[in-house]
Every structure is written in structure tokens, then in C-alpha cells.
Amino acid sequence: CIDRAVSIFRFTAELPDPYPNNNDPNLGPTQALSKQLAGELTGANLGETCRIEGYLFYFPYKSGHETRPLSFVNEEGIEDETTRYNNDPNIRIYWQKRLVPESTLKSLPFFPIFASKSQCITEKVPEKWRWRIKGFIFFDWNFRHISNNKLKIRVDNFEDWIHSKEVLKHISYSPSQCPANFKKFLQHCHAHYDKEFRMEGRDKILENALNTTFQIVPGSAFFTRVKIGNKHSIVKDEKIKIPLKGSKGLVYGKVI
């Protein structure tokens, strides 16, 4: 199903070891890491890291709908698109090229945070960019924190841990500018592959009348509706900018 993807973002990351050796079996991974960094823990594996390799695929919006495949398609009879995409995990995890089915992630530490739709517009990324990303991360053989049956990661609250401030301070990426590069990746994919604008309801009578009266550019077309995503936007005198695939510029239009 990844053949629907139009682009791929690759990265590697070195993270602190989730469970440094310590004498307190009740100490969680985040607390253990804090104590390790403060010099309060000792053990053979202190200072060790785990390495992950990641691949993020972009699935564009086109033909009036999202194209990213869902991991669990309508598993519980959920018809609402928002609920289905929000509940579906973005990131699947592998250990030694083997799927770890009971452990997933919804985001990665370098994913950008946009406070509002207007900020997404300013940053030139789609509002629903998370719906268009499907990722896979692979742990090396030396990552020890896997269940005996290889079905899940043995790190309590793994999603919280990988986003904790202790991990964020000590994680390293290749390429080093991974957060900035990923945002550029989103911007590029949105500009070149998403087809959120679509003209509908061509009015040939109006075309002929305007061509005859005003002698406008031959070949111009007039439409009664502009479809943005799955909603119609019909606002008189509103100017719109529509990016076209394969074009470096924008097509400017006006609702009349």
C-alpha cells in the first residue's frame, strides 16, 4: 500500500538507553535517565544508546479524499474520517526487521507543533499533515527492551518516554538538521502533490459572453464553484491562489 506514497523522508537517531542498570526495579525509564544524568546511578550500560532508522512516507490529498492507508480499516465500524485517522497510529515499530505489532507511536520527537490552522497556512504545510504521514522505525539488534514473544516494546509509556525532556536533550539525528529538514519535506510535498483545490461547475455560457464582451485571454475557463478539500468555498470577489503540480508558480483566480 506504500505505492500510493509520493515521497519519502529518511533519518537515523541515537537515543539514550531506556533502562540504565539500577538497583530500583520500580524506577521508570524517564526517572532512571534523570538519575543517570545526575550521576546517581551506576551500571555497565550507563551511557549506552539505542539506534533507530526511520522512513516517513507522504500520502497526498487528491481526488477529494485522503490517500494514506489505515492500519486498521474501519475495524470497529467507525465511519467518521476524523475519528478513523486520529485513532490510527502513524508510526509502526520493527525490531530486527520484525514487526512489533503491539507497540506503535503517533508522533516522533522532531515532528513540528502548529498551534492553529492559520499557523499551518503561514508555514505552508497542510492543516492535516499528520493524516498524510505513515512511518516505520527500525531498532538495531542491540536494543534489549523487547518482550520475549517479540510483540511489544518493554518500555513503560514508550510514547511519553521518547518525547520526555530528558530524551529530547540527548537525542542526536542524522541528518543533524532533521527537524528543519522534515518541515521542508512537508512544505515540498504539500506544494507539489496535494490537490486540495478543484474547480467545478464550468459555465460555458458565461465564458462565451465574457469572451465576446471583454475579449479576455483565449482559452480562459469559468467555474461556479471552487472545492477546497471536501468543502465548497463560494465567496464572491474572493481571490484564491491555487498551486499546480509541475508549476513553480501559482494560478490566481477570483470568484465572481
Protein backbone atom coordinates (compact mmCIF):
# COMPACT_ATOMS: atom_id res chain seq x y z
CA CYS A 1 0.00 0.00 0.00
CA ILE A 2 3.00 2.34 0.27
CA ASP A 3 2.95 2.57 -3.52
CA ARG A 4 0.44 5.41 -3.05
CA ALA A 5 3.16 7.49 -1.36
CA VAL A 6 4.76 10.26 -3.41
CA SER A 7 7.87 10.99 -1.34
CA ILE A 8 9.95 9.57 1.50
CA PHE A 9 11.91 11.14 4.38
CA ARG A 10 14.79 9.09 5.82
CA PHE A 11 16.57 9.63 9.14
CA THR A 12 18.55 7.90 11.86
CA ALA A 13 18.61 8.78 15.56
CA GLU A 14 20.64 7.85 18.63
CA LEU A 15 18.62 7.81 21.86
CA PRO A 16 19.69 7.23 25.49
CA ASP A 17 19.24 3.65 26.66
CA PRO A 18 15.71 3.41 28.16
CA TYR A 19 16.64 1.28 31.18
CA PRO A 20 20.08 2.00 32.62
CA ASN A 21 21.17 -0.59 35.21
CA ASN A 22 19.98 0.46 38.63
CA ASN A 23 19.03 -1.05 41.95
CA ASP A 24 15.44 0.18 41.97
CA PRO A 25 13.12 -2.09 39.92
CA ASN A 26 10.29 0.42 40.36
CA LEU A 27 12.22 3.23 38.72
CA GLY A 28 10.66 4.10 35.36
CA PRO A 29 12.74 4.86 32.24
CA THR A 30 12.39 8.65 32.44
CA GLN A 31 13.22 8.79 36.15
CA ALA A 32 16.12 6.39 35.67
CA LEU A 33 17.54 8.53 32.87
CA SER A 34 17.27 11.66 35.03
CA LYS A 35 19.17 9.95 37.86
CA GLN A 36 21.75 8.62 35.42
CA LEU A 37 22.42 12.09 34.03
CA ALA A 38 22.70 13.42 37.58
CA GLY A 39 25.35 10.80 38.37
CA GLU A 40 23.14 8.96 40.86
CA LEU A 41 23.13 5.59 39.05
CA THR A 42 25.92 3.22 38.18
CA GLY A 43 25.93 0.20 35.92
CA ALA A 44 27.61 -1.43 32.98
CA ASN A 45 25.27 0.04 30.38
CA LEU A 46 25.20 3.64 31.59
CA GLY A 47 25.88 5.99 28.72
CA GLU A 48 24.81 3.45 26.11
CA THR A 49 22.45 4.47 23.34
CA CYS A 50 19.98 2.75 21.09
CA ARG A 51 19.88 3.48 17.40
CA ILE A 52 16.78 3.74 15.24
CA GLU A 53 16.43 4.09 11.49
CA GLY A 54 13.26 5.69 10.22
CA TYR A 55 11.29 6.10 7.00
CA LEU A 56 8.36 8.50 6.69
CA PHE A 57 6.09 8.32 3.63
CA TYR A 58 3.88 11.14 2.39
CA PHE A 59 0.43 10.31 1.03
CA PRO A 60 -1.16 13.33 -0.67
CA TYR A 61 -4.72 14.56 -0.68
CA LYS A 62 -6.18 14.04 -4.14
CA SER A 63 -9.42 13.24 -5.93
CA GLY A 64 -11.38 14.63 -2.99
CA HIS A 65 -10.02 12.39 -0.24
CA GLU A 66 -7.00 11.38 1.83
CA THR A 67 -4.87 8.58 0.38
CA ARG A 68 -2.90 7.37 3.39
CA PRO A 69 -3.73 3.72 4.09
CA LEU A 70 -5.11 2.99 7.54
CA SER A 71 -3.59 0.26 9.66
CA PHE A 72 -6.97 -0.79 10.98
CA VAL A 73 -9.55 -0.02 8.32
CA ASN A 74 -12.91 0.59 9.95
CA GLU A 75 -12.10 -2.12 12.49
CA GLU A 76 -14.84 -1.08 14.89
CA GLY A 77 -17.38 0.12 12.36
CA ILE A 78 -16.19 3.72 12.63
CA GLU A 79 -17.35 5.68 9.60
CA ASP A 80 -16.21 9.14 10.63
CA GLU A 81 -12.99 10.01 8.77
CA THR A 82 -11.64 12.27 11.52
CA THR A 83 -12.03 9.59 14.19
CA ARG A 84 -10.51 6.89 11.99
CA TYR A 85 -7.41 8.92 11.08
CA ASN A 86 -6.89 10.32 14.59
CA ASN A 87 -7.08 6.83 16.12
CA ASP A 88 -4.85 5.20 13.55
CA PRO A 89 -1.15 5.04 14.56
CA ASN A 90 1.22 7.00 12.32
CA ILE A 91 4.35 5.02 13.20
CA ARG A 92 4.84 1.26 13.18
CA ILE A 93 7.83 -0.24 15.01
CA TYR A 94 10.19 -3.02 13.88
CA TRP A 95 12.91 -4.86 15.76
CA GLN A 96 15.50 -6.65 13.62
CA LYS A 97 13.17 -6.19 10.62
CA ARG A 98 10.34 -7.88 12.51
CA LEU A 99 7.08 -6.02 13.13
CA VAL A 100 6.35 -5.33 16.81
CA PRO A 101 2.53 -5.27 16.45
CA GLU A 102 1.52 -4.19 19.96
CA SER A 103 3.75 -1.09 20.07
CA THR A 104 3.09 1.97 17.93
CA LEU A 105 3.74 5.70 18.01
CA LYS A 106 1.56 8.64 16.97
CA SER A 107 4.46 11.05 16.56
CA LEU A 108 8.23 11.43 16.73
CA PRO A 109 10.24 13.98 18.76
CA PHE A 110 11.14 16.11 15.73
CA PHE A 111 7.57 16.46 14.47
CA PRO A 112 6.58 20.16 14.33
CA ILE A 113 3.84 21.56 16.53
CA PHE A 114 1.45 24.05 14.94
CA ALA A 115 -0.91 25.85 17.27
CA SER A 116 -3.59 26.69 14.74
CA LYS A 117 -4.80 26.39 11.16
CA SER A 118 -3.53 29.90 10.44
CA GLN A 119 -0.04 28.90 11.54
CA CYS A 120 -0.15 25.94 9.16
CA ILE A 121 -1.09 28.31 6.36
CA THR A 122 1.77 30.64 7.32
CA GLU A 123 4.24 27.74 7.41
CA LYS A 124 2.84 26.39 4.10
CA VAL A 125 2.02 22.94 5.42
CA PRO A 126 -1.39 21.23 5.30
CA GLU A 127 -3.56 21.50 8.38
CA LYS A 128 -4.00 17.72 8.41
CA TRP A 129 -0.39 16.83 7.63
CA ARG A 130 -0.38 14.06 10.25
CA TRP A 131 -3.10 12.30 8.26
CA ARG A 132 -0.71 12.17 5.30
CA ILE A 133 2.31 10.66 7.07
CA LYS A 134 2.93 6.93 7.51
CA GLY A 135 6.19 5.90 9.14
CA PHE A 136 8.28 2.90 10.08
CA ILE A 137 11.13 2.85 12.58
CA PHE A 138 13.63 0.03 12.98
CA PHE A 139 15.59 -0.80 16.14
CA ASP A 140 19.01 -2.42 15.97
CA TRP A 141 19.74 -5.90 17.31
CA ASN A 142 21.35 -4.41 20.44
CA PHE A 143 18.04 -2.90 21.60
CA ARG A 144 17.28 -5.23 24.50
CA HIS A 145 13.89 -3.92 25.59
CA ILE A 146 11.66 -6.25 23.61
CA SER A 147 9.20 -8.73 25.08
CA ASN A 148 10.07 -12.44 24.97
CA ASN A 149 7.36 -13.07 22.38
CA LYS A 150 8.59 -10.06 20.35
CA LEU A 151 5.13 -8.48 20.32
CA LYS A 152 5.83 -5.22 22.17
CA ILE A 153 8.48 -2.82 23.40
CA ARG A 154 9.20 -3.33 27.11
CA VAL A 155 9.34 0.36 28.00
CA ASP A 156 6.53 1.71 30.15
CA ASN A 157 4.71 4.60 28.46
CA PHE A 158 7.06 4.42 25.48
CA GLU A 159 5.32 7.31 23.69
CA ASP A 160 5.76 9.59 26.72
CA TRP A 161 9.34 8.47 27.26
CA ILE A 162 10.51 9.17 23.70
CA HIS A 163 9.05 12.70 24.00
CA SER A 164 10.37 13.38 27.52
CA LYS A 165 12.64 16.38 28.03
CA GLU A 166 15.47 14.12 29.19
CA VAL A 167 15.44 12.26 25.88
CA LEU A 168 14.97 15.43 23.84
CA LYS A 169 18.12 16.89 25.39
CA HIS A 170 20.29 13.93 24.46
CA ILE A 171 18.89 12.63 21.19
CA SER A 172 21.02 13.10 18.09
CA TYR A 173 19.91 12.89 14.47
CA SER A 174 21.36 12.23 11.08
CA PRO A 175 20.96 14.49 9.22
CA SER A 176 21.66 16.81 12.13
CA GLN A 177 19.05 19.33 10.95
CA CYS A 178 16.34 16.67 10.99
CA PRO A 179 13.51 18.83 12.48
CA ALA A 180 14.07 21.65 9.97
CA ASN A 181 14.51 19.22 7.08
CA PHE A 182 11.29 17.41 7.96
CA LYS A 183 9.33 20.67 7.88
CA LYS A 184 10.81 21.43 4.47
CA PHE A 185 9.77 17.93 3.39
CA LEU A 186 6.16 18.68 4.43
CA GLN A 187 6.20 22.02 2.65
CA HIS A 188 7.57 20.50 -0.55
CA CYS A 189 5.06 17.63 -0.59
CA HIS A 190 2.14 19.95 0.12
CA ALA A 191 3.13 22.37 -2.64
CA HIS A 192 3.78 19.72 -5.29
CA TYR A 193 1.47 16.78 -4.56
CA ASP A 194 -1.62 17.79 -2.58
CA LYS A 195 -4.61 18.60 -4.79
CA GLU A 196 -6.92 20.30 -2.35
CA PHE A 197 -8.31 22.82 -4.86
CA ARG A 198 -10.63 21.79 -7.62
CA MET A 199 -12.79 23.82 -9.98
CA GLU A 200 -16.34 22.57 -10.55
CA GLY A 201 -19.40 23.65 -12.48
CA ARG A 202 -17.87 25.09 -15.65
CA ASP A 203 -20.07 27.88 -17.04
CA LYS A 204 -19.57 27.96 -20.82
CA ILE A 205 -22.38 30.49 -21.35
CA LEU A 206 -20.54 32.95 -19.10
CA GLU A 207 -17.28 32.16 -20.88
CA ASN A 208 -18.74 32.99 -24.29
CA ALA A 209 -20.37 36.18 -23.02
CA LEU A 210 -17.20 37.47 -21.37
CA ASN A 211 -15.00 36.47 -24.27
CA THR A 212 -17.31 38.34 -26.65
CA THR A 213 -17.68 41.43 -24.46
CA PHE A 214 -14.24 41.84 -22.93
CA GLN A 215 -12.07 39.82 -25.32
CA ILE A 216 -10.25 38.15 -22.45
CA VAL A 217 -7.38 35.73 -22.92
CA PRO A 218 -8.42 32.91 -25.30
CA GLY A 219 -8.80 29.59 -23.55
CA SER A 220 -9.88 31.09 -20.21
CA ALA A 221 -12.37 29.00 -18.30
CA PHE A 222 -15.02 30.00 -15.75
CA PHE A 223 -16.40 27.84 -12.98
CA THR A 224 -19.18 28.33 -10.47
CA ARG A 225 -17.54 26.53 -7.55
CA VAL A 226 -14.11 26.12 -6.01
CA LYS A 227 -13.78 22.95 -3.99
CA ILE A 228 -11.23 23.09 -1.19
CA GLY A 229 -10.73 19.68 0.36
CA ASN A 230 -14.17 18.18 0.79
CA LYS A 231 -15.91 21.53 1.25
CA HIS A 232 -17.19 24.11 -1.24
CA SER A 233 -15.90 27.65 -0.99
CA ILE A 234 -18.04 30.15 -2.84
CA VAL A 235 -17.24 33.66 -1.77
CA LYS A 236 -17.96 36.49 -4.18
CA ASP A 237 -14.94 38.61 -5.12
CA GLU A 238 -12.58 36.43 -3.09
CA LYS A 239 -9.19 35.92 -4.69
CA ILE A 240 -7.61 32.50 -4.40
CA LYS A 241 -4.14 31.09 -5.06
CA ILE A 242 -4.03 27.56 -6.42
CA PRO A 243 -0.73 25.62 -6.64
CA LEU A 244 -0.49 23.35 -9.67
CA LYS A 245 1.63 20.22 -9.87
CA GLY A 246 4.67 20.75 -12.04
CA SER A 247 4.40 24.52 -11.84
CA LYS A 248 6.80 26.72 -9.89
CA GLY A 249 4.23 29.46 -9.65
CA LEU A 250 0.60 29.78 -8.64
CA VAL A 251 -2.59 30.17 -10.62
CA TYR A 252 -4.55 33.16 -9.41
CA GLY A 253 -8.30 33.17 -9.62
CA LYS A 254 -11.27 35.18 -8.42
CA VAL A 255 -14.76 34.04 -7.50
CA ILE A 256 -17.23 36.22 -9.42
